[in-house]
PDB file of all heavy atoms in Angstrom:
ATOM      1  N   ALA A   1       5.671  14.927  -8.613  1.00  0.00           N
ATOM      2  CA  ALA A   1       5.186  15.866  -7.458  1.00  0.00           C
ATOM      3  C   ALA A   1       4.012  15.291  -6.769  1.00  0.00           C
ATOM      4  O   ALA A   1       3.747  15.622  -5.593  1.00  0.00           O
ATOM      5  CB  ALA A   1       4.837  17.212  -8.145  1.00  0.00           C
ATOM      6  N   HIS A   2       3.390  14.291  -7.409  1.00  0.00           N
ATOM      7  CA  HIS A   2       2.128  13.710  -6.724  1.00  0.00           C
ATOM      8  C   HIS A   2       2.415  12.160  -6.358  1.00  0.00           C
ATOM      9  O   HIS A   2       1.458  11.509  -5.935  1.00  0.00           O
ATOM     10  CB  HIS A   2       0.995  13.829  -7.731  1.00  0.00           C
ATOM     11  CG  HIS A   2       0.617  15.345  -7.844  1.00  0.00           C
ATOM     12  ND1 HIS A   2      -0.001  16.062  -6.969  1.00  0.00           N
ATOM     13  CD2 HIS A   2       0.747  16.011  -8.997  1.00  0.00           C
ATOM     14  CE1 HIS A   2      -0.027  17.465  -7.446  1.00  0.00           C
ATOM     15  NE2 HIS A   2       0.279  17.273  -8.718  1.00  0.00           N
ATOM     16  N   GLN A   3       3.572  11.636  -6.483  1.00  0.00           N
ATOM     17  CA  GLN A   3       3.786  10.254  -6.161  1.00  0.00           C
ATOM     18  C   GLN A   3       4.013  10.193  -4.694  1.00  0.00           C
ATOM     19  O   GLN A   3       4.604  10.997  -4.100  1.00  0.00           O
ATOM     20  CB  GLN A   3       5.156   9.797  -6.889  1.00  0.00           C
ATOM     21  CG  GLN A   3       4.908   9.652  -8.425  1.00  0.00           C
ATOM     22  CD  GLN A   3       6.348   9.301  -8.953  1.00  0.00           C
ATOM     23  OE1 GLN A   3       7.364   9.173  -8.356  1.00  0.00           O
ATOM     24  NE2 GLN A   3       6.250   9.363 -10.391  1.00  0.00           N
ATOM     25  N   GLY A   4       3.319   9.236  -4.105  1.00  0.00           N
ATOM     26  CA  GLY A   4       3.412   9.019  -2.724  1.00  0.00           C
ATOM     27  C   GLY A   4       2.545   8.057  -2.073  1.00  0.00           C
ATOM     28  O   GLY A   4       1.586   7.568  -2.857  1.00  0.00           O
ATOM     29  N   ILE A   5       2.621   7.702  -0.899  1.00  0.00           N
ATOM     30  CA  ILE A   5       1.879   6.547  -0.322  1.00  0.00           C
ATOM     31  C   ILE A   5       0.469   6.869  -0.193  1.00  0.00           C
ATOM     32  O   ILE A   5      -0.339   5.988   0.001  1.00  0.00           O
ATOM     33  CB  ILE A   5       2.582   6.384   1.076  1.00  0.00           C
ATOM     34  CG1 ILE A   5       2.090   4.994   1.687  1.00  0.00           C
ATOM     35  CG2 ILE A   5       2.225   7.432   2.040  1.00  0.00           C
ATOM     36  CD1 ILE A   5       2.839   4.510   2.859  1.00  0.00           C
ATOM     37  N   ALA A   6       0.061   8.245  -0.121  1.00  0.00           N
ATOM     38  CA  ALA A   6      -1.281   8.579   0.193  1.00  0.00           C
ATOM     39  C   ALA A   6      -2.167   8.781  -1.248  1.00  0.00           C
ATOM     40  O   ALA A   6      -3.291   9.069  -1.115  1.00  0.00           O
ATOM     41  CB  ALA A   6      -1.448   9.818   1.046  1.00  0.00           C
ATOM     42  N   HIS A   7      -1.488   8.451  -2.278  1.00  0.00           N
ATOM     43  CA  HIS A   7      -2.188   8.707  -3.649  1.00  0.00           C
ATOM     44  C   HIS A   7      -3.282   7.711  -3.878  1.00  0.00           C
ATOM     45  O   HIS A   7      -3.258   6.495  -3.410  1.00  0.00           O
ATOM     46  CB  HIS A   7      -1.173   8.595  -4.811  1.00  0.00           C
ATOM     47  CG  HIS A   7      -1.795   9.179  -6.054  1.00  0.00           C
ATOM     48  ND1 HIS A   7      -2.618   8.401  -6.863  1.00  0.00           N
ATOM     49  CD2 HIS A   7      -1.499  10.295  -6.685  1.00  0.00           C
ATOM     50  CE1 HIS A   7      -2.932   9.133  -7.917  1.00  0.00           C
ATOM     51  NE2 HIS A   7      -2.250  10.309  -7.768  1.00  0.00           N
ATOM     52  N   PRO A   8      -4.483   8.106  -4.282  1.00  0.00           N
ATOM     53  CA  PRO A   8      -5.476   7.132  -4.629  1.00  0.00           C
ATOM     54  C   PRO A   8      -5.153   5.847  -5.387  1.00  0.00           C
ATOM     55  O   PRO A   8      -5.673   4.820  -5.174  1.00  0.00           O
ATOM     56  CB  PRO A   8      -6.573   7.882  -5.426  1.00  0.00           C
ATOM     57  CG  PRO A   8      -6.316   9.463  -5.100  1.00  0.00           C
ATOM     58  CD  PRO A   8      -4.856   9.629  -4.815  1.00  0.00           C
ATOM     59  N   ALA A   9      -4.217   5.940  -6.286  1.00  0.00           N
ATOM     60  CA  ALA A   9      -3.777   4.812  -7.019  1.00  0.00           C
ATOM     61  C   ALA A   9      -3.072   3.777  -6.157  1.00  0.00           C
ATOM     62  O   ALA A   9      -3.201   2.578  -6.231  1.00  0.00           O
ATOM     63  CB  ALA A   9      -2.664   5.205  -7.974  1.00  0.00           C
ATOM     64  N   CYS A  10      -2.452   4.347  -4.993  1.00  0.00           N
ATOM     65  CA  CYS A  10      -1.866   3.412  -3.967  1.00  0.00           C
ATOM     66  C   CYS A  10      -3.035   2.704  -3.290  1.00  0.00           C
ATOM     67  O   CYS A  10      -2.877   1.591  -2.759  1.00  0.00           O
ATOM     68  CB  CYS A  10      -0.887   4.218  -3.143  1.00  0.00           C
ATOM     69  SG  CYS A  10       0.428   4.718  -3.927  1.00  0.00           S
ATOM     70  N   ASP A  11      -3.993   3.509  -2.910  1.00  0.00           N
ATOM     71  CA  ASP A  11      -5.197   2.875  -2.138  1.00  0.00           C
ATOM     72  C   ASP A  11      -5.683   1.795  -2.994  1.00  0.00           C
ATOM     73  O   ASP A  11      -6.028   0.676  -2.324  1.00  0.00           O
ATOM     74  CB  ASP A  11      -6.249   4.043  -1.914  1.00  0.00           C
ATOM     75  CG  ASP A  11      -5.805   4.903  -0.917  1.00  0.00           C
ATOM     76  OD1 ASP A  11      -4.993   4.684  -0.003  1.00  0.00           O
ATOM     77  OD2 ASP A  11      -6.349   6.145  -0.858  1.00  0.00           O
ATOM     78  N   PHE A  12      -5.920   1.895  -4.231  1.00  0.00           N
ATOM     79  CA  PHE A  12      -6.377   0.819  -5.089  1.00  0.00           C
ATOM     80  C   PHE A  12      -5.503  -0.439  -5.008  1.00  0.00           C
ATOM     81  O   PHE A  12      -5.971  -1.526  -4.827  1.00  0.00           O
ATOM     82  CB  PHE A  12      -6.536   1.253  -6.490  1.00  0.00           C
ATOM     83  CG  PHE A  12      -6.823   0.207  -7.456  1.00  0.00           C
ATOM     84  CD1 PHE A  12      -8.128  -0.470  -7.620  1.00  0.00           C
ATOM     85  CD2 PHE A  12      -5.795  -0.330  -8.263  1.00  0.00           C
ATOM     86  CE1 PHE A  12      -8.366  -1.314  -8.545  1.00  0.00           C
ATOM     87  CE2 PHE A  12      -5.970  -1.460  -9.184  1.00  0.00           C
ATOM     88  CZ  PHE A  12      -7.315  -1.990  -9.209  1.00  0.00           C
ATOM     89  N   ALA A  13      -4.250  -0.287  -5.101  1.00  0.00           N
ATOM     90  CA  ALA A  13      -3.310  -1.411  -5.062  1.00  0.00           C
ATOM     91  C   ALA A  13      -3.292  -2.012  -3.650  1.00  0.00           C
ATOM     92  O   ALA A  13      -3.402  -3.273  -3.788  1.00  0.00           O
ATOM     93  CB  ALA A  13      -1.904  -0.836  -5.433  1.00  0.00           C
ATOM     94  N   ARG A  14      -3.411  -1.259  -2.676  1.00  0.00           N
ATOM     95  CA  ARG A  14      -3.413  -1.899  -1.239  1.00  0.00           C
ATOM     96  C   ARG A  14      -4.832  -2.728  -1.122  1.00  0.00           C
ATOM     97  O   ARG A  14      -4.838  -3.677  -0.461  1.00  0.00           O
ATOM     98  CB  ARG A  14      -3.326  -0.859  -0.360  1.00  0.00           C
ATOM     99  CG  ARG A  14      -1.857  -0.497  -0.069  1.00  0.00           C
ATOM    100  CD  ARG A  14      -1.707   0.437   1.051  1.00  0.00           C
ATOM    101  NE  ARG A  14      -2.319   1.866   0.919  1.00  0.00           N
ATOM    102  CZ  ARG A  14      -1.735   2.874   0.564  1.00  0.00           C
ATOM    103  NH1 ARG A  14      -0.394   2.871   0.335  1.00  0.00           N
ATOM    104  NH2 ARG A  14      -2.262   4.064   0.364  1.00  0.00           N
ATOM    105  N   HIS A  15      -5.834  -2.137  -1.662  1.00  0.00           N
ATOM    106  CA  HIS A  15      -7.178  -2.761  -1.558  1.00  0.00           C
ATOM    107  C   HIS A  15      -7.083  -4.106  -2.336  1.00  0.00           C
ATOM    108  O   HIS A  15      -7.583  -5.145  -1.850  1.00  0.00           O
ATOM    109  CB  HIS A  15      -8.287  -1.973  -2.159  1.00  0.00           C
ATOM    110  CG  HIS A  15      -8.548  -0.780  -1.183  1.00  0.00           C
ATOM    111  ND1 HIS A  15      -9.243   0.357  -1.734  1.00  0.00           N
ATOM    112  CD2 HIS A  15      -8.172  -0.289   0.028  1.00  0.00           C
ATOM    113  CE1 HIS A  15      -9.326   1.324  -0.748  1.00  0.00           C
ATOM    114  NE2 HIS A  15      -8.721   0.873   0.349  1.00  0.00           N
ATOM    115  N   VAL A  16      -6.489  -4.211  -3.483  1.00  0.00           N
ATOM    116  CA  VAL A  16      -6.350  -5.519  -4.182  1.00  0.00           C
ATOM    117  C   VAL A  16      -5.561  -6.386  -3.498  1.00  0.00           C
ATOM    118  O   VAL A  16      -5.821  -7.643  -3.421  1.00  0.00           O
ATOM    119  CB  VAL A  16      -5.750  -5.231  -5.666  1.00  0.00           C
ATOM    120  CG1 VAL A  16      -5.403  -6.461  -6.282  1.00  0.00           C
ATOM    121  CG2 VAL A  16      -6.802  -4.325  -6.469  1.00  0.00           C
ATOM    122  N   MET A  17      -4.462  -5.970  -2.978  1.00  0.00           N
ATOM    123  CA  MET A  17      -3.530  -6.891  -2.112  1.00  0.00           C
ATOM    124  C   MET A  17      -4.322  -7.448  -0.854  1.00  0.00           C
ATOM    125  O   MET A  17      -4.257  -8.665  -0.620  1.00  0.00           O
ATOM    126  CB  MET A  17      -2.435  -5.946  -1.485  1.00  0.00           C
ATOM    127  CG  MET A  17      -1.358  -5.567  -2.601  1.00  0.00           C
ATOM    128  SD  MET A  17      -0.201  -4.395  -1.963  1.00  0.00           S
ATOM    129  CE  MET A  17       0.795  -5.317  -0.769  1.00  0.00           C
ATOM    130  N   GLN A  18      -5.095  -6.665  -0.213  1.00  0.00           N
ATOM    131  CA  GLN A  18      -5.907  -7.052   0.907  1.00  0.00           C
ATOM    132  C   GLN A  18      -6.822  -8.185   0.349  1.00  0.00           C
ATOM    133  O   GLN A  18      -7.106  -9.208   1.031  1.00  0.00           O
ATOM    134  CB  GLN A  18      -6.569  -5.914   1.598  1.00  0.00           C
ATOM    135  CG  GLN A  18      -5.688  -5.307   2.623  1.00  0.00           C
ATOM    136  CD  GLN A  18      -6.462  -4.243   3.282  1.00  0.00           C
ATOM    137  OE1 GLN A  18      -7.181  -3.313   2.684  1.00  0.00           O
ATOM    138  NE2 GLN A  18      -6.335  -4.039   4.523  1.00  0.00           N
ATOM    139  N   ALA A  19      -7.659  -7.800  -0.618  1.00  0.00           N
ATOM    140  CA  ALA A  19      -8.654  -8.612  -1.052  1.00  0.00           C
ATOM    141  C   ALA A  19      -8.249  -9.902  -1.653  1.00  0.00           C
ATOM    142  O   ALA A  19      -8.780 -11.083  -1.436  1.00  0.00           O
ATOM    143  CB  ALA A  19      -9.650  -7.927  -2.163  1.00  0.00           C
ATOM    144  N   ALA A  20      -7.047  -9.894  -2.342  1.00  0.00           N
ATOM    145  CA  ALA A  20      -6.470 -11.166  -2.859  1.00  0.00           C
ATOM    146  C   ALA A  20      -5.832 -12.075  -1.887  1.00  0.00           C
ATOM    147  O   ALA A  20      -5.797 -13.287  -1.975  1.00  0.00           O
ATOM    148  CB  ALA A  20      -5.555 -10.778  -3.867  1.00  0.00           C
ATOM    149  N   LEU A  21      -5.308 -11.354  -0.805  1.00  0.00           N
ATOM    150  CA  LEU A  21      -4.404 -12.178   0.076  1.00  0.00           C
ATOM    151  C   LEU A  21      -4.991 -12.405   1.581  1.00  0.00           C
ATOM    152  O   LEU A  21      -4.328 -13.038   2.424  1.00  0.00           O
ATOM    153  CB  LEU A  21      -3.058 -11.714   0.189  1.00  0.00           C
ATOM    154  CG  LEU A  21      -2.305 -11.557  -1.109  1.00  0.00           C
ATOM    155  CD1 LEU A  21      -0.975 -10.839  -1.129  1.00  0.00           C
ATOM    156  CD2 LEU A  21      -2.202 -13.053  -1.764  1.00  0.00           C
ATOM    157  N   ALA A  22      -6.099 -11.639   2.000  1.00  0.00           N
ATOM    158  CA  ALA A  22      -6.615 -11.826   3.142  1.00  0.00           C
ATOM    159  C   ALA A  22      -6.798 -13.323   3.557  1.00  0.00           C
ATOM    160  O   ALA A  22      -7.516 -14.065   2.881  1.00  0.00           O
ATOM    161  CB  ALA A  22      -7.919 -10.934   3.463  1.00  0.00           C
ATOM    162  N   GLY A  23      -6.398 -13.657   4.727  1.00  0.00           N
ATOM    163  CA  GLY A  23      -6.653 -15.001   5.190  1.00  0.00           C
ATOM    164  C   GLY A  23      -5.771 -16.031   4.615  1.00  0.00           C
ATOM    165  O   GLY A  23      -5.941 -17.212   5.076  1.00  0.00           O
ATOM    166  N   THR A  24      -4.769 -15.611   3.812  1.00  0.00           N
ATOM    167  CA  THR A  24      -3.930 -16.648   3.246  1.00  0.00           C
ATOM    168  C   THR A  24      -2.723 -16.924   4.039  1.00  0.00           C
ATOM    169  O   THR A  24      -1.778 -17.731   3.603  1.00  0.00           O
ATOM    170  CB  THR A  24      -3.582 -16.209   1.775  1.00  0.00           C
ATOM    171  OG1 THR A  24      -2.749 -15.019   1.936  1.00  0.00           O
ATOM    172  CG2 THR A  24      -4.714 -15.903   0.944  1.00  0.00           C
ATOM    173  N   ALA A  25      -2.482 -16.142   5.213  1.00  0.00           N
ATOM    174  CA  ALA A  25      -1.214 -16.342   5.957  1.00  0.00           C
ATOM    175  C   ALA A  25      -0.041 -15.472   5.305  1.00  0.00           C
ATOM    176  O   ALA A  25       0.931 -15.481   5.798  1.00  0.00           O
ATOM    177  CB  ALA A  25      -0.686 -17.651   6.240  1.00  0.00           C
ATOM    178  N   ILE A  26      -0.406 -14.770   4.247  1.00  0.00           N
ATOM    179  CA  ILE A  26       0.650 -13.955   3.625  1.00  0.00           C
ATOM    180  C   ILE A  26       0.552 -12.568   4.225  1.00  0.00           C
ATOM    181  O   ILE A  26      -0.474 -11.912   4.158  1.00  0.00           O
ATOM    182  CB  ILE A  26       0.385 -13.762   2.042  1.00  0.00           C
ATOM    183  CG1 ILE A  26       0.540 -15.189   1.398  1.00  0.00           C
ATOM    184  CG2 ILE A  26       1.466 -12.806   1.446  1.00  0.00           C
ATOM    185  CD1 ILE A  26       1.880 -15.869   1.460  1.00  0.00           C
ATOM    186  N   ARG A  27       1.602 -12.033   4.816  1.00  0.00           N
ATOM    187  CA  ARG A  27       1.577 -10.841   5.556  1.00  0.00           C
ATOM    188  C   ARG A  27       1.667  -9.719   4.720  1.00  0.00           C
ATOM    189  O   ARG A  27       2.564  -9.753   3.610  1.00  0.00           O
ATOM    190  CB  ARG A  27       2.609 -10.750   6.597  1.00  0.00           C
ATOM    191  CG  ARG A  27       2.374 -11.661   7.856  1.00  0.00           C
ATOM    192  CD  ARG A  27       3.645 -11.755   8.779  1.00  0.00           C
ATOM    193  NE  ARG A  27       3.155 -12.447  10.019  1.00  0.00           N
ATOM    194  CZ  ARG A  27       3.949 -12.607  11.057  1.00  0.00           C
ATOM    195  NH1 ARG A  27       5.265 -12.393  10.740  1.00  0.00           N
ATOM    196  NH2 ARG A  27       3.594 -13.153  12.070  1.00  0.00           N
ATOM    197  N   LEU A  28       1.010  -8.533   4.960  1.00  0.00           N
ATOM    198  CA  LEU A  28       1.181  -7.344   3.988  1.00  0.00           C
ATOM    199  C   LEU A  28       1.905  -6.170   4.684  1.00  0.00           C
ATOM    200  O   LEU A  28       1.744  -6.155   5.904  1.00  0.00           O
ATOM    201  CB  LEU A  28      -0.326  -7.005   3.656  1.00  0.00           C
ATOM    202  CG  LEU A  28      -1.145  -7.884   3.042  1.00  0.00           C
ATOM    203  CD1 LEU A  28      -2.601  -7.255   2.724  1.00  0.00           C
ATOM    204  CD2 LEU A  28      -0.616  -8.390   1.707  1.00  0.00           C
ATOM    205  N   ALA A  29       2.665  -5.518   3.968  1.00  0.00           N
ATOM    206  CA  ALA A  29       3.378  -4.377   4.489  1.00  0.00           C
ATOM    207  C   ALA A  29       3.194  -3.253   3.591  1.00  0.00           C
ATOM    208  O   ALA A  29       3.218  -3.319   2.388  1.00  0.00           O
ATOM    209  CB  ALA A  29       4.822  -4.697   4.674  1.00  0.00           C
ATOM    210  N   ASP A  30       3.129  -2.051   4.131  1.00  0.00           N
ATOM    211  CA  ASP A  30       2.951  -0.867   3.317  1.00  0.00           C
ATOM    212  C   ASP A  30       4.345  -0.168   3.079  1.00  0.00           C
ATOM    213  O   ASP A  30       5.323  -0.566   3.615  1.00  0.00           O
ATOM    214  CB  ASP A  30       2.058   0.264   4.123  1.00  0.00           C
ATOM    215  CG  ASP A  30       1.369   1.263   3.198  1.00  0.00           C
ATOM    216  OD1 ASP A  30       1.667   1.225   1.954  1.00  0.00           O
ATOM    217  OD2 ASP A  30       0.314   1.882   3.623  1.00  0.00           O
ATOM    218  N   GLY A  31       4.363   0.932   2.277  1.00  0.00           N
ATOM    219  CA  GLY A  31       5.627   1.419   1.804  1.00  0.00           C
ATOM    220  C   GLY A  31       6.072   2.514   2.668  1.00  0.00           C
ATOM    221  O   GLY A  31       5.489   2.797   3.798  1.00  0.00           O
ATOM    222  N   PRO A  32       7.180   3.187   2.340  1.00  0.00           N
ATOM    223  CA  PRO A  32       7.788   4.163   3.175  1.00  0.00           C
ATOM    224  C   PRO A  32       7.250   5.577   2.931  1.00  0.00           C
ATOM    225  O   PRO A  32       6.523   5.873   1.917  1.00  0.00           O
ATOM    226  CB  PRO A  32       9.154   4.042   2.865  1.00  0.00           C
ATOM    227  CG  PRO A  32       9.197   3.728   1.321  1.00  0.00           C
ATOM    228  CD  PRO A  32       7.999   2.831   1.070  1.00  0.00           C
ATOM    229  N   THR A  33       7.557   6.497   3.863  1.00  0.00           N
ATOM    230  CA  THR A  33       7.431   7.859   3.631  1.00  0.00           C
ATOM    231  C   THR A  33       8.765   8.495   3.126  1.00  0.00           C
ATOM    232  O   THR A  33       9.784   8.318   3.835  1.00  0.00           O
ATOM    233  CB  THR A  33       6.905   8.674   4.765  1.00  0.00           C
ATOM    234  OG1 THR A  33       5.670   8.160   5.209  1.00  0.00           O
ATOM    235  CG2 THR A  33       6.910  10.166   4.591  1.00  0.00           C
ATOM    236  N   ASN A  34       8.793   9.232   2.103  1.00  0.00           N
ATOM    237  CA  ASN A  34      10.164   9.592   1.472  1.00  0.00           C
ATOM    238  C   ASN A  34      10.542  11.056   1.944  1.00  0.00           C
ATOM    239  O   ASN A  34      11.484  11.638   1.500  1.00  0.00           O
ATOM    240  CB  ASN A  34      10.187   9.571   0.053  1.00  0.00           C
ATOM    241  CG  ASN A  34       9.304  10.471  -0.730  1.00  0.00           C
ATOM    242  OD1 ASN A  34       8.347  11.090  -0.158  1.00  0.00           O
ATOM    243  ND2 ASN A  34       9.450  10.516  -2.061  1.00  0.00           N
ATOM    244  N   VAL A  35       9.653  11.671   2.796  1.00  0.00           N
ATOM    245  CA  VAL A  35       9.989  12.881   3.405  1.00  0.00           C
ATOM    246  C   VAL A  35      11.036  12.733   4.527  1.00  0.00           C
ATOM    247  O   VAL A  35      10.567  12.247   5.559  1.00  0.00           O
ATOM    248  CB  VAL A  35       8.862  13.796   3.779  1.00  0.00           C
ATOM    249  CG1 VAL A  35       9.270  15.149   4.474  1.00  0.00           C
ATOM    250  CG2 VAL A  35       8.008  14.016   2.658  1.00  0.00           C
ATOM    251  N   MET A  36      12.310  12.980   4.475  1.00  0.00           N
ATOM    252  CA  MET A  36      13.255  12.710   5.610  1.00  0.00           C
ATOM    253  C   MET A  36      13.133  13.731   6.706  1.00  0.00           C
ATOM    254  O   MET A  36      13.315  14.944   6.430  1.00  0.00           O
ATOM    255  CB  MET A  36      14.596  12.516   4.986  1.00  0.00           C
ATOM    256  CG  MET A  36      14.756  11.335   3.991  1.00  0.00           C
ATOM    257  SD  MET A  36      14.387   9.653   4.717  1.00  0.00           S
ATOM    258  CE  MET A  36      12.787   9.367   4.225  1.00  0.00           C
ATOM    259  N   PRO A  37      13.262  13.360   8.005  1.00  0.00           N
ATOM    260  CA  PRO A  37      13.410  14.334   9.158  1.00  0.00           C
ATOM    261  C   PRO A  37      14.744  14.648   9.283  1.00  0.00           C
ATOM    262  O   PRO A  37      15.428  14.363  10.377  1.00  0.00           O
ATOM    263  CB  PRO A  37      12.666  13.464  10.223  1.00  0.00           C
ATOM    264  CG  PRO A  37      13.043  11.966   9.958  1.00  0.00           C
ATOM    265  CD  PRO A  37      12.997  11.962   8.348  1.00  0.00           C
TER     266      PRO A  37
END
């Protein structure tokens, strides 16, 4: 019920991705929204 792209656990993972890979030429992409229109 609480899994999703805006969860604080996801913020932590994205921050680690940024800190580890910023400036390395590795591009970063976020995940999807699973609420379908």
